[in-house]
Amino acid sequence: MEATYRALCKHGYAELTMQDIAAESTKTKGTLHYHFEGKQDLLESFLEYLLDQFEARTETVPGETAAQRLHEYVDELLTPSDEESAEEFRTAILEIKAQSPYNEAYRARLRKFDHALRDRIAGFVADGLETEEFRADVDPEETADFLVTIFNGAETRAAAVDRSPECTKRYVHAYIDDTLRSDGSNGGDAGSGDSNDPTVDGDETEAGE
């Protein structure tokens, strides 16, 4: 699966071939065809692999409070450790997403990933409601759906128009502190940012583009 990742990042979905994947691995093209019927079958397994990897990576989220854990989760989603690799991968995944309206198997796996994100975020929000950390009128499912939509949009913009997710990340941190929290204060929880002001550092706002 690591070979599939490297080949997908390098060639993109449209140009990707089984030979490209074989070239990135120790296996021959014939061996790959023995295990997978073709590129589509292999990429279906690859999407399943990505979901498993993501769930393993985010199984334990640091933080003593629900707000802290939600901030950390946002950072994990929108702060890639390797920006160059992340840019290539966003593009490749965007190409796979573009195929999902015509490929039910891709759609099913992407839907599973979407549900995993929503369920995890809804869990953090529900925890915050239970401890009265978040406002009583906050709906966990609606909040999770809203944030997942923002995350997907940020990733798509990063791939399509080279717009860094950093500004979006600051807005989400501010949303958690100013809208979700019952005390309307960040309490020192605002992830890795220095301020809950989304225009910090003089960056242009999303609406100003």
N, C-alpha and C. Protein backbone atom coordinates (compact mmCIF):
# COMPACT_ATOMS: atom_id res chain seq x y z
N MET A 1 0.82 -1.20 0.00
CA MET A 1 0.00 0.00 0.00
C MET A 1 0.86 1.26 0.00
N GLU A 2 2.04 1.19 0.61
CA GLU A 2 2.95 2.34 0.57
C GLU A 2 3.38 2.62 -0.86
N ALA A 3 3.57 1.58 -1.65
CA ALA A 3 3.94 1.77 -3.05
C ALA A 3 2.80 2.43 -3.82
N THR A 4 1.57 2.05 -3.50
CA THR A 4 0.41 2.68 -4.14
C THR A 4 0.36 4.16 -3.79
N TYR A 5 0.62 4.47 -2.53
CA TYR A 5 0.64 5.87 -2.08
C TYR A 5 1.68 6.66 -2.87
N ARG A 6 2.89 6.14 -2.96
CA ARG A 6 3.96 6.87 -3.66
C ARG A 6 3.63 7.05 -5.13
N ALA A 7 3.12 6.00 -5.76
CA ALA A 7 2.79 6.09 -7.19
C ALA A 7 1.63 7.04 -7.44
N LEU A 8 0.64 7.02 -6.55
CA LEU A 8 -0.52 7.90 -6.70
C LEU A 8 -0.11 9.36 -6.55
N CYS A 9 0.75 9.64 -5.58
CA CYS A 9 1.23 11.01 -5.39
C CYS A 9 2.05 11.47 -6.59
N LYS A 10 2.81 10.57 -7.17
CA LYS A 10 3.71 10.94 -8.27
C LYS A 10 2.97 11.11 -9.59
N HIS A 11 2.01 10.24 -9.88
CA HIS A 11 1.40 10.22 -11.21
C HIS A 11 -0.04 10.75 -11.25
N GLY A 12 -0.72 10.79 -10.09
CA GLY A 12 -2.13 11.18 -10.10
C GLY A 12 -3.00 10.03 -10.56
N TYR A 13 -4.30 10.13 -10.33
CA TYR A 13 -5.20 9.02 -10.62
C TYR A 13 -5.26 8.70 -12.11
N ALA A 14 -5.44 9.72 -12.94
CA ALA A 14 -5.71 9.49 -14.36
C ALA A 14 -4.55 8.77 -15.05
N GLU A 15 -3.32 9.13 -14.69
CA GLU A 15 -2.15 8.56 -15.36
C GLU A 15 -1.61 7.31 -14.66
N LEU A 16 -2.13 6.99 -13.51
CA LEU A 16 -1.60 5.88 -12.73
C LEU A 16 -1.85 4.54 -13.41
N THR A 17 -0.82 3.69 -13.45
CA THR A 17 -0.94 2.34 -14.00
C THR A 17 -0.44 1.33 -12.98
N MET A 18 -0.77 0.08 -13.20
CA MET A 18 -0.27 -0.98 -12.33
C MET A 18 1.25 -1.06 -12.41
N GLN A 19 1.81 -0.77 -13.58
CA GLN A 19 3.26 -0.78 -13.73
C GLN A 19 3.90 0.31 -12.88
N ASP A 20 3.25 1.48 -12.79
CA ASP A 20 3.76 2.56 -11.94
C ASP A 20 3.82 2.11 -10.48
N ILE A 21 2.79 1.40 -10.05
CA ILE A 21 2.76 0.93 -8.66
C ILE A 21 3.82 -0.14 -8.45
N ALA A 22 3.97 -1.04 -9.41
CA ALA A 22 4.99 -2.08 -9.31
C ALA A 22 6.39 -1.48 -9.23
N ALA A 23 6.60 -0.38 -9.97
CA ALA A 23 7.91 0.27 -9.99
C ALA A 23 8.27 0.86 -8.63
N GLU A 24 7.26 1.15 -7.81
CA GLU A 24 7.50 1.72 -6.49
C GLU A 24 7.61 0.64 -5.41
N SER A 25 7.45 -0.63 -5.81
CA SER A 25 7.46 -1.71 -4.83
C SER A 25 8.48 -2.77 -5.23
N THR A 26 8.55 -3.83 -4.44
CA THR A 26 9.43 -4.95 -4.74
C THR A 26 8.70 -6.04 -5.51
N LYS A 27 7.43 -5.79 -5.83
CA LYS A 27 6.61 -6.78 -6.54
C LYS A 27 6.56 -6.46 -8.03
N THR A 28 6.32 -7.49 -8.82
CA THR A 28 6.17 -7.30 -10.26
C THR A 28 4.73 -6.93 -10.59
N LYS A 29 4.53 -6.44 -11.80
CA LYS A 29 3.18 -6.12 -12.25
C LYS A 29 2.31 -7.37 -12.23
N GLY A 30 2.89 -8.51 -12.62
CA GLY A 30 2.15 -9.76 -12.63
C GLY A 30 1.69 -10.17 -11.24
N THR A 31 2.55 -9.94 -10.24
CA THR A 31 2.19 -10.27 -8.87
C THR A 31 1.02 -9.41 -8.39
N LEU A 32 1.06 -8.13 -8.74
CA LEU A 32 -0.03 -7.23 -8.36
C LEU A 32 -1.35 -7.69 -8.99
N HIS A 33 -1.29 -8.10 -10.25
CA HIS A 33 -2.50 -8.55 -10.93
C HIS A 33 -3.02 -9.87 -10.35
N TYR A 34 -2.12 -10.64 -9.72
CA TYR A 34 -2.55 -11.88 -9.07
C TYR A 34 -3.44 -11.57 -7.87
N HIS A 35 -3.10 -10.48 -7.16
CA HIS A 35 -3.85 -10.11 -5.95
C HIS A 35 -5.00 -9.15 -6.23
N PHE A 36 -4.88 -8.35 -7.29
CA PHE A 36 -5.90 -7.35 -7.61
C PHE A 36 -6.25 -7.43 -9.08
N GLU A 37 -7.53 -7.27 -9.39
CA GLU A 37 -7.98 -7.37 -10.78
C GLU A 37 -7.44 -6.24 -11.64
N GLY A 38 -7.22 -5.09 -11.04
CA GLY A 38 -6.72 -3.94 -11.80
C GLY A 38 -6.57 -2.74 -10.90
N LYS A 39 -6.34 -1.58 -11.52
CA LYS A 39 -6.12 -0.35 -10.75
C LYS A 39 -7.29 -0.03 -9.83
N GLN A 40 -8.50 -0.17 -10.33
CA GLN A 40 -9.67 0.17 -9.53
C GLN A 40 -9.76 -0.69 -8.28
N ASP A 41 -9.56 -1.98 -8.43
CA ASP A 41 -9.61 -2.90 -7.30
C ASP A 41 -8.53 -2.56 -6.28
N LEU A 42 -7.32 -2.26 -6.76
CA LEU A 42 -6.22 -1.92 -5.87
C LEU A 42 -6.51 -0.62 -5.12
N LEU A 43 -7.05 0.38 -5.81
CA LEU A 43 -7.33 1.65 -5.16
C LEU A 43 -8.48 1.55 -4.16
N GLU A 44 -9.40 0.62 -4.38
CA GLU A 44 -10.45 0.38 -3.39
C GLU A 44 -9.82 -0.11 -2.08
N SER A 45 -8.87 -1.03 -2.20
CA SER A 45 -8.17 -1.52 -1.02
C SER A 45 -7.31 -0.42 -0.40
N PHE A 46 -6.76 0.43 -1.25
CA PHE A 46 -5.92 1.52 -0.77
C PHE A 46 -6.74 2.51 0.06
N LEU A 47 -7.94 2.83 -0.37
CA LEU A 47 -8.79 3.73 0.40
C LEU A 47 -9.14 3.13 1.76
N GLU A 48 -9.38 1.82 1.78
CA GLU A 48 -9.65 1.13 3.04
C GLU A 48 -8.42 1.21 3.95
N TYR A 49 -7.25 1.06 3.36
CA TYR A 49 -5.99 1.16 4.10
C TYR A 49 -5.83 2.56 4.70
N LEU A 50 -6.15 3.59 3.92
CA LEU A 50 -6.04 4.96 4.41
C LEU A 50 -6.94 5.19 5.62
N LEU A 51 -8.15 4.67 5.56
CA LEU A 51 -9.07 4.81 6.68
C LEU A 51 -8.51 4.14 7.93
N ASP A 52 -7.99 2.93 7.77
CA ASP A 52 -7.41 2.21 8.91
C ASP A 52 -6.23 2.97 9.49
N GLN A 53 -5.37 3.52 8.62
CA GLN A 53 -4.20 4.27 9.07
C GLN A 53 -4.62 5.53 9.82
N PHE A 54 -5.62 6.22 9.28
CA PHE A 54 -6.08 7.45 9.93
C PHE A 54 -6.67 7.15 11.30
N GLU A 55 -7.48 6.12 11.39
CA GLU A 55 -8.09 5.78 12.67
C GLU A 55 -7.03 5.36 13.69
N ALA A 56 -5.99 4.66 13.23
CA ALA A 56 -4.92 4.26 14.14
C ALA A 56 -4.13 5.48 14.61
N ARG A 57 -3.89 6.42 13.69
CA ARG A 57 -3.11 7.61 14.02
C ARG A 57 -3.85 8.53 14.99
N THR A 58 -5.16 8.54 14.92
CA THR A 58 -5.95 9.46 15.76
C THR A 58 -6.70 8.73 16.87
N GLU A 59 -6.31 7.49 17.12
CA GLU A 59 -7.01 6.71 18.15
C GLU A 59 -6.92 7.39 19.51
N THR A 60 -5.74 7.91 19.82
CA THR A 60 -5.55 8.62 21.08
C THR A 60 -5.25 10.08 20.79
N VAL A 61 -6.14 10.97 21.20
CA VAL A 61 -5.97 12.40 20.99
C VAL A 61 -5.65 13.03 22.34
N PRO A 62 -4.51 13.75 22.47
CA PRO A 62 -4.15 14.33 23.75
C PRO A 62 -5.09 15.45 24.17
N GLY A 63 -5.12 15.72 25.47
CA GLY A 63 -5.95 16.80 25.99
C GLY A 63 -6.74 16.36 27.20
N GLU A 64 -6.79 17.22 28.21
CA GLU A 64 -7.50 16.90 29.44
C GLU A 64 -8.99 17.20 29.35
N THR A 65 -9.38 18.08 28.42
CA THR A 65 -10.79 18.45 28.29
C THR A 65 -11.27 18.15 26.87
N ALA A 66 -12.57 18.16 26.69
CA ALA A 66 -13.15 17.92 25.36
C ALA A 66 -12.70 18.98 24.37
N ALA A 67 -12.66 20.24 24.80
CA ALA A 67 -12.23 21.33 23.92
C ALA A 67 -10.78 21.15 23.50
N GLN A 68 -9.92 20.76 24.43
CA GLN A 68 -8.52 20.54 24.10
C GLN A 68 -8.38 19.41 23.09
N ARG A 69 -9.13 18.33 23.29
CA ARG A 69 -9.05 17.20 22.36
C ARG A 69 -9.57 17.60 20.97
N LEU A 70 -10.63 18.41 20.93
CA LEU A 70 -11.15 18.85 19.64
C LEU A 70 -10.15 19.76 18.94
N HIS A 71 -9.50 20.64 19.68
CA HIS A 71 -8.45 21.49 19.10
C HIS A 71 -7.32 20.63 18.52
N GLU A 72 -6.90 19.62 19.27
CA GLU A 72 -5.81 18.76 18.81
C GLU A 72 -6.22 17.98 17.56
N TYR A 73 -7.46 17.56 17.52
CA TYR A 73 -7.96 16.82 16.35
C TYR A 73 -7.97 17.71 15.11
N VAL A 74 -8.37 18.96 15.29
CA VAL A 74 -8.35 19.93 14.19
C VAL A 74 -6.92 20.10 13.66
N ASP A 75 -5.97 20.22 14.58
CA ASP A 75 -4.57 20.35 14.16
C ASP A 75 -4.11 19.13 13.38
N GLU A 76 -4.52 17.96 13.82
CA GLU A 76 -4.13 16.72 13.13
C GLU A 76 -4.69 16.70 11.71
N LEU A 77 -5.90 17.21 11.53
CA LEU A 77 -6.54 17.20 10.21
C LEU A 77 -5.95 18.25 9.28
N LEU A 78 -5.60 19.41 9.81
CA LEU A 78 -5.25 20.55 8.96
C LEU A 78 -3.79 20.98 9.04
N THR A 79 -2.95 20.26 9.79
CA THR A 79 -1.54 20.61 9.87
C THR A 79 -0.70 19.41 9.45
N PRO A 80 -0.40 19.25 8.17
CA PRO A 80 0.39 18.11 7.71
C PRO A 80 1.84 18.22 8.17
N SER A 81 2.44 17.09 8.50
CA SER A 81 3.83 17.09 8.93
C SER A 81 4.78 17.31 7.76
N ASP A 82 4.37 16.91 6.57
CA ASP A 82 5.18 17.08 5.36
C ASP A 82 4.32 17.78 4.32
N GLU A 83 4.49 19.09 4.16
CA GLU A 83 3.61 19.88 3.30
C GLU A 83 3.73 19.46 1.83
N GLU A 84 4.95 19.17 1.36
CA GLU A 84 5.13 18.79 -0.04
C GLU A 84 4.40 17.49 -0.36
N SER A 85 4.57 16.50 0.51
CA SER A 85 3.89 15.23 0.31
C SER A 85 2.38 15.41 0.45
N ALA A 86 1.97 16.25 1.40
CA ALA A 86 0.54 16.49 1.61
C ALA A 86 -0.10 17.12 0.38
N GLU A 87 0.62 18.03 -0.26
CA GLU A 87 0.08 18.69 -1.46
C GLU A 87 -0.14 17.67 -2.58
N GLU A 88 0.83 16.80 -2.79
CA GLU A 88 0.69 15.77 -3.82
C GLU A 88 -0.47 14.83 -3.48
N PHE A 89 -0.56 14.47 -2.21
CA PHE A 89 -1.58 13.51 -1.80
C PHE A 89 -2.98 14.11 -1.89
N ARG A 90 -3.12 15.38 -1.52
CA ARG A 90 -4.42 16.04 -1.67
C ARG A 90 -4.90 15.97 -3.11
N THR A 91 -3.98 16.24 -4.02
CA THR A 91 -4.33 16.22 -5.44
C THR A 91 -4.78 14.83 -5.87
N ALA A 92 -4.04 13.82 -5.43
CA ALA A 92 -4.38 12.45 -5.80
C ALA A 92 -5.74 12.04 -5.24
N ILE A 93 -5.99 12.37 -3.98
CA ILE A 93 -7.26 12.02 -3.36
C ILE A 93 -8.41 12.78 -4.01
N LEU A 94 -8.15 14.04 -4.39
CA LEU A 94 -9.18 14.82 -5.07
C LEU A 94 -9.56 14.14 -6.38
N GLU A 95 -8.57 13.57 -7.07
CA GLU A 95 -8.85 12.87 -8.32
C GLU A 95 -9.70 11.62 -8.06
N ILE A 96 -9.41 10.91 -6.97
CA ILE A 96 -10.22 9.73 -6.63
C ILE A 96 -11.64 10.15 -6.27
N LYS A 97 -11.77 11.24 -5.50
CA LYS A 97 -13.10 11.74 -5.15
C LYS A 97 -13.89 12.10 -6.40
N ALA A 98 -13.19 12.63 -7.40
CA ALA A 98 -13.88 13.01 -8.64
C ALA A 98 -14.45 11.79 -9.36
N GLN A 99 -13.90 10.60 -9.08
CA GLN A 99 -14.40 9.38 -9.71
C GLN A 99 -15.58 8.77 -8.94
N SER A 100 -15.78 9.20 -7.68
CA SER A 100 -16.76 8.53 -6.83
C SER A 100 -18.20 8.62 -7.33
N PRO A 101 -18.62 9.69 -8.05
CA PRO A 101 -20.00 9.67 -8.56
C PRO A 101 -20.26 8.54 -9.56
N TYR A 102 -19.18 8.02 -10.14
CA TYR A 102 -19.31 6.97 -11.16
C TYR A 102 -18.83 5.61 -10.66
N ASN A 103 -18.36 5.56 -9.41
CA ASN A 103 -17.79 4.33 -8.87
C ASN A 103 -18.33 4.12 -7.45
N GLU A 104 -19.26 3.20 -7.31
CA GLU A 104 -19.92 3.00 -6.03
C GLU A 104 -18.95 2.49 -4.97
N ALA A 105 -17.95 1.71 -5.36
CA ALA A 105 -16.98 1.19 -4.39
C ALA A 105 -16.15 2.32 -3.80
N TYR A 106 -15.69 3.25 -4.65
CA TYR A 106 -14.97 4.41 -4.14
C TYR A 106 -15.87 5.22 -3.22
N ARG A 107 -17.10 5.43 -3.66
CA ARG A 107 -18.04 6.24 -2.88
C ARG A 107 -18.28 5.62 -1.51
N ALA A 108 -18.42 4.31 -1.46
CA ALA A 108 -18.69 3.63 -0.20
C ALA A 108 -17.53 3.82 0.78
N ARG A 109 -16.31 3.74 0.28
CA ARG A 109 -15.15 3.89 1.16
C ARG A 109 -14.96 5.34 1.59
N LEU A 110 -15.21 6.27 0.68
CA LEU A 110 -15.14 7.69 1.05
C LEU A 110 -16.24 8.05 2.05
N ARG A 111 -17.41 7.43 1.87
CA ARG A 111 -18.51 7.66 2.82
C ARG A 111 -18.14 7.13 4.20
N LYS A 112 -17.47 6.00 4.23
CA LYS A 112 -17.04 5.42 5.51
C LYS A 112 -16.05 6.35 6.21
N PHE A 113 -15.15 6.93 5.44
CA PHE A 113 -14.18 7.87 6.00
C PHE A 113 -14.89 9.12 6.53
N ASP A 114 -15.86 9.61 5.76
CA ASP A 114 -16.64 10.78 6.16
C ASP A 114 -17.38 10.51 7.47
N HIS A 115 -17.97 9.34 7.57
CA HIS A 115 -18.70 8.98 8.79
C HIS A 115 -17.75 8.87 9.98
N ALA A 116 -16.54 8.35 9.75
CA ALA A 116 -15.57 8.23 10.84
C ALA A 116 -15.19 9.60 11.39
N LEU A 117 -14.98 10.56 10.49
CA LEU A 117 -14.67 11.92 10.91
C LEU A 117 -15.82 12.51 11.72
N ARG A 118 -17.03 12.39 11.18
CA ARG A 118 -18.20 12.98 11.85
C ARG A 118 -18.43 12.35 13.22
N ASP A 119 -18.30 11.03 13.29
CA ASP A 119 -18.55 10.35 14.56
C ASP A 119 -17.54 10.77 15.62
N ARG A 120 -16.27 10.92 15.19
CA ARG A 120 -15.24 11.30 16.17
C ARG A 120 -15.47 12.71 16.69
N ILE A 121 -15.75 13.64 15.78
CA ILE A 121 -15.99 15.03 16.19
C ILE A 121 -17.24 15.13 17.05
N ALA A 122 -18.30 14.43 16.65
CA ALA A 122 -19.54 14.44 17.44
C ALA A 122 -19.28 13.90 18.84
N GLY A 123 -18.39 12.93 18.95
CA GLY A 123 -18.04 12.38 20.26
C GLY A 123 -17.37 13.41 21.15
N PHE A 124 -16.44 14.18 20.58
CA PHE A 124 -15.79 15.24 21.36
C PHE A 124 -16.81 16.27 21.83
N VAL A 125 -17.71 16.66 20.93
CA VAL A 125 -18.72 17.67 21.28
C VAL A 125 -19.66 17.13 22.36
N ALA A 126 -20.07 15.88 22.22
CA ALA A 126 -20.95 15.27 23.23
C ALA A 126 -20.27 15.22 24.59
N ASP A 127 -18.96 14.92 24.59
CA ASP A 127 -18.21 14.93 25.85
C ASP A 127 -18.22 16.32 26.48
N GLY A 128 -18.06 17.35 25.63
CA GLY A 128 -18.07 18.71 26.13
C GLY A 128 -19.42 19.14 26.67
N LEU A 129 -20.48 18.61 26.09
CA LEU A 129 -21.83 18.90 26.60
C LEU A 129 -22.05 18.24 27.96
N GLU A 130 -21.54 17.03 28.09
CA GLU A 130 -21.72 16.29 29.34
C GLU A 130 -21.02 16.98 30.50
N THR A 131 -19.87 17.59 30.23
CA THR A 131 -19.12 18.30 31.28
C THR A 131 -19.49 19.78 31.36
N GLU A 132 -20.49 20.19 30.56
CA GLU A 132 -20.95 21.58 30.49
C GLU A 132 -19.86 22.53 30.02
N GLU A 133 -18.92 21.97 29.26
CA GLU A 133 -17.85 22.78 28.68
C GLU A 133 -18.36 23.54 27.45
N PHE A 134 -19.29 22.90 26.72
CA PHE A 134 -19.89 23.52 25.55
C PHE A 134 -21.32 23.96 25.87
N ARG A 135 -21.82 24.90 25.09
CA ARG A 135 -23.16 25.43 25.30
C ARG A 135 -24.21 24.32 25.19
N ALA A 136 -25.25 24.43 25.99
CA ALA A 136 -26.27 23.38 26.06
C ALA A 136 -27.06 23.24 24.77
N ASP A 137 -27.11 24.31 23.96
CA ASP A 137 -27.91 24.25 22.72
C ASP A 137 -27.10 23.77 21.52
N VAL A 138 -25.86 23.36 21.74
CA VAL A 138 -25.03 22.85 20.65
C VAL A 138 -25.44 21.42 20.32
N ASP A 139 -25.65 21.13 19.05
CA ASP A 139 -26.01 19.79 18.59
C ASP A 139 -24.75 19.08 18.08
N PRO A 140 -24.34 17.96 18.70
CA PRO A 140 -23.10 17.29 18.30
C PRO A 140 -23.08 16.87 16.83
N GLU A 141 -24.19 16.29 16.34
CA GLU A 141 -24.21 15.80 14.97
C GLU A 141 -24.15 16.94 13.96
N GLU A 142 -24.91 18.00 14.21
CA GLU A 142 -24.90 19.15 13.30
C GLU A 142 -23.54 19.84 13.30
N THR A 143 -22.94 19.97 14.49
CA THR A 143 -21.62 20.59 14.59
C THR A 143 -20.58 19.77 13.85
N ALA A 144 -20.63 18.45 14.02
CA ALA A 144 -19.68 17.58 13.34
C ALA A 144 -19.84 17.66 11.84
N ASP A 145 -21.08 17.67 11.36
CA ASP A 145 -21.32 17.76 9.93
C ASP A 145 -20.78 19.07 9.36
N PHE A 146 -20.97 20.16 10.09
CA PHE A 146 -20.47 21.47 9.70
C PHE A 146 -18.95 21.47 9.61
N LEU A 147 -18.27 20.93 10.62
CA LEU A 147 -16.82 20.94 10.64
C LEU A 147 -16.22 20.03 9.57
N VAL A 148 -16.83 18.88 9.34
CA VAL A 148 -16.33 18.00 8.28
C VAL A 148 -16.45 18.67 6.92
N THR A 149 -17.54 19.40 6.71
CA THR A 149 -17.71 20.15 5.46
C THR A 149 -16.60 21.19 5.30
N ILE A 150 -16.25 21.86 6.39
CA ILE A 150 -15.16 22.84 6.35
C ILE A 150 -13.83 22.16 6.03
N PHE A 151 -13.57 21.02 6.68
CA PHE A 151 -12.32 20.31 6.44
C PHE A 151 -12.21 19.87 4.98
N ASN A 152 -13.29 19.32 4.45
CA ASN A 152 -13.27 18.88 3.05
C ASN A 152 -13.05 20.05 2.11
N GLY A 153 -13.68 21.18 2.41
CA GLY A 153 -13.50 22.36 1.58
C GLY A 153 -12.08 22.88 1.63
N ALA A 154 -11.48 22.87 2.82
CA ALA A 154 -10.10 23.33 2.98
C ALA A 154 -9.14 22.45 2.19
N GLU A 155 -9.34 21.14 2.25
CA GLU A 155 -8.48 20.22 1.51
C GLU A 155 -8.65 20.39 0.00
N THR A 156 -9.89 20.58 -0.44
CA THR A 156 -10.14 20.76 -1.87
C THR A 156 -9.51 22.05 -2.37
N ARG A 157 -9.64 23.13 -1.60
CA ARG A 157 -9.05 24.40 -2.01
C ARG A 157 -7.53 24.31 -2.04
N ALA A 158 -6.96 23.59 -1.07
CA ALA A 158 -5.51 23.44 -1.04
C ALA A 158 -5.01 22.72 -2.29
N ALA A 159 -5.76 21.70 -2.73
CA ALA A 159 -5.37 20.94 -3.91
C ALA A 159 -5.65 21.70 -5.20
N ALA A 160 -6.80 22.38 -5.26
CA ALA A 160 -7.24 22.99 -6.52
C ALA A 160 -6.62 24.36 -6.79
N VAL A 161 -6.47 25.17 -5.74
CA VAL A 161 -5.99 26.55 -5.96
C VAL A 161 -4.80 26.89 -5.07
N ASP A 162 -4.18 25.86 -4.46
CA ASP A 162 -2.98 26.05 -3.66
C ASP A 162 -3.21 27.02 -2.50
N ARG A 163 -4.36 26.93 -1.87
CA ARG A 163 -4.69 27.77 -0.72
C ARG A 163 -4.38 27.00 0.56
N SER A 164 -3.44 27.49 1.36
CA SER A 164 -3.05 26.81 2.59
C SER A 164 -4.24 26.70 3.54
N PRO A 165 -4.36 25.56 4.25
CA PRO A 165 -5.45 25.41 5.22
C PRO A 165 -5.22 26.20 6.51
N GLU A 166 -4.09 26.89 6.64
CA GLU A 166 -3.76 27.56 7.90
C GLU A 166 -4.83 28.55 8.34
N CYS A 167 -5.31 29.38 7.41
CA CYS A 167 -6.32 30.38 7.78
C CYS A 167 -7.61 29.70 8.23
N THR A 168 -7.99 28.65 7.51
CA THR A 168 -9.18 27.89 7.89
C THR A 168 -9.01 27.29 9.28
N LYS A 169 -7.82 26.79 9.56
CA LYS A 169 -7.56 26.19 10.86
C LYS A 169 -7.75 27.22 11.98
N ARG A 170 -7.28 28.44 11.78
CA ARG A 170 -7.46 29.47 12.80
C ARG A 170 -8.94 29.79 13.01
N TYR A 171 -9.70 29.83 11.91
CA TYR A 171 -11.13 30.08 12.03
C TYR A 171 -11.81 28.97 12.83
N VAL A 172 -11.42 27.73 12.59
CA VAL A 172 -12.05 26.61 13.30
C VAL A 172 -11.71 26.68 14.78
N HIS A 173 -10.45 26.98 15.11
CA HIS A 173 -10.08 27.13 16.51
C HIS A 173 -10.91 28.24 17.17
N ALA A 174 -11.09 29.36 16.46
CA ALA A 174 -11.88 30.46 16.99
C ALA A 174 -13.35 30.05 17.16
N TYR A 175 -13.85 29.25 16.21
CA TYR A 175 -15.24 28.77 16.30
C TYR A 175 -15.44 27.92 17.55
N ILE A 176 -14.48 27.05 17.83
CA ILE A 176 -14.58 26.20 19.02
C ILE A 176 -14.63 27.07 20.28
N ASP A 177 -13.74 28.06 20.35
CA ASP A 177 -13.64 28.87 21.56
C ASP A 177 -14.77 29.90 21.70
N ASP A 178 -15.15 30.52 20.60
CA ASP A 178 -16.10 31.63 20.67
C ASP A 178 -17.56 31.20 20.52
N THR A 179 -17.79 30.08 19.83
CA THR A 179 -19.17 29.65 19.56
C THR A 179 -19.58 28.42 20.36
N LEU A 180 -18.70 27.44 20.46
CA LEU A 180 -19.07 26.21 21.15
C LEU A 180 -18.93 26.30 22.66
N ARG A 181 -17.87 26.91 23.13
CA ARG A 181 -17.59 26.92 24.57
C ARG A 181 -18.64 27.75 25.32
N SER A 182 -19.06 27.23 26.46
CA SER A 182 -20.09 27.91 27.24
C SER A 182 -19.60 29.21 27.84
N ASP A 183 -18.27 29.32 28.08
CA ASP A 183 -17.74 30.54 28.68
C ASP A 183 -17.21 31.52 27.63
N GLY A 184 -17.25 31.11 26.33
CA GLY A 184 -16.80 31.99 25.27
C GLY A 184 -15.34 32.37 25.38
N SER A 185 -14.53 31.51 26.00
CA SER A 185 -13.11 31.82 26.20
C SER A 185 -12.28 30.62 25.81
N ASN A 186 -11.08 30.90 25.25
CA ASN A 186 -10.25 29.77 24.80
C ASN A 186 -9.60 29.03 25.96
N GLY A 187 -9.45 29.66 27.08
CA GLY A 187 -8.90 28.96 28.24
C GLY A 187 -7.55 28.35 27.98
N GLY A 188 -6.82 28.89 26.98
CA GLY A 188 -5.50 28.36 26.66
C GLY A 188 -5.54 27.10 25.85
N ASP A 189 -6.69 26.78 25.23
CA ASP A 189 -6.84 25.51 24.52
C ASP A 189 -6.66 25.62 23.02
N ALA A 190 -6.42 26.80 22.48
CA ALA A 190 -6.54 27.01 21.04
C ALA A 190 -5.43 26.38 20.23
N GLY A 191 -5.25 25.09 20.39
CA GLY A 191 -4.32 24.34 19.55
C GLY A 191 -2.95 24.96 19.54
N SER A 192 -2.33 24.97 18.36
CA SER A 192 -0.97 25.47 18.23
C SER A 192 -0.92 26.94 17.89
N GLY A 193 -2.10 27.57 17.70
CA GLY A 193 -2.12 28.98 17.34
C GLY A 193 -1.81 29.86 18.54
N ASP A 194 -1.39 31.12 18.27
CA ASP A 194 -1.07 32.05 19.33
C ASP A 194 -2.25 32.90 19.72
N SER A 195 -3.32 32.86 18.93
CA SER A 195 -4.46 33.71 19.17
C SER A 195 -5.68 33.09 18.55
N ASN A 196 -6.88 33.41 19.11
CA ASN A 196 -8.09 32.92 18.48
C ASN A 196 -8.62 33.91 17.46
N ASP A 197 -7.83 34.93 17.12
CA ASP A 197 -8.19 35.87 16.07
C ASP A 197 -7.80 35.27 14.74
N PRO A 198 -8.75 34.95 13.85
CA PRO A 198 -8.42 34.29 12.60
C PRO A 198 -7.61 35.13 11.65
N THR A 199 -7.44 36.43 11.94
CA THR A 199 -6.65 37.27 11.04
C THR A 199 -5.26 37.52 11.59
N VAL A 200 -4.85 36.75 12.62
CA VAL A 200 -3.53 36.92 13.20
C VAL A 200 -2.46 36.77 12.14
N ASP A 201 -1.34 37.44 12.33
CA ASP A 201 -0.21 37.43 11.41
C ASP A 201 -0.50 38.18 10.13
N GLY A 202 -1.63 38.87 10.05
CA GLY A 202 -1.90 39.70 8.88
C GLY A 202 -2.33 38.94 7.67
N ASP A 203 -2.66 37.64 7.79
CA ASP A 203 -3.11 36.88 6.63
C ASP A 203 -4.46 37.38 6.18
N GLU A 204 -4.74 37.28 4.86
CA GLU A 204 -6.05 37.66 4.36
C GLU A 204 -7.08 36.68 4.86
N THR A 205 -8.30 37.13 5.04
CA THR A 205 -9.37 36.24 5.48
C THR A 205 -9.93 35.49 4.31
N GLU A 206 -10.69 34.41 4.62
CA GLU A 206 -11.29 33.62 3.56
C GLU A 206 -12.25 34.46 2.74
N ALA A 207 -13.02 35.34 3.41
CA ALA A 207 -14.03 36.11 2.70
C ALA A 207 -13.42 37.18 1.83
N GLY A 208 -12.14 37.52 2.10
CA GLY A 208 -11.53 38.60 1.37
C GLY A 208 -10.93 38.20 0.06
N GLU A 209 -11.03 36.90 -0.29
CA GLU A 209 -10.42 36.46 -1.54
C GLU A 209 -11.30 36.77 -2.71
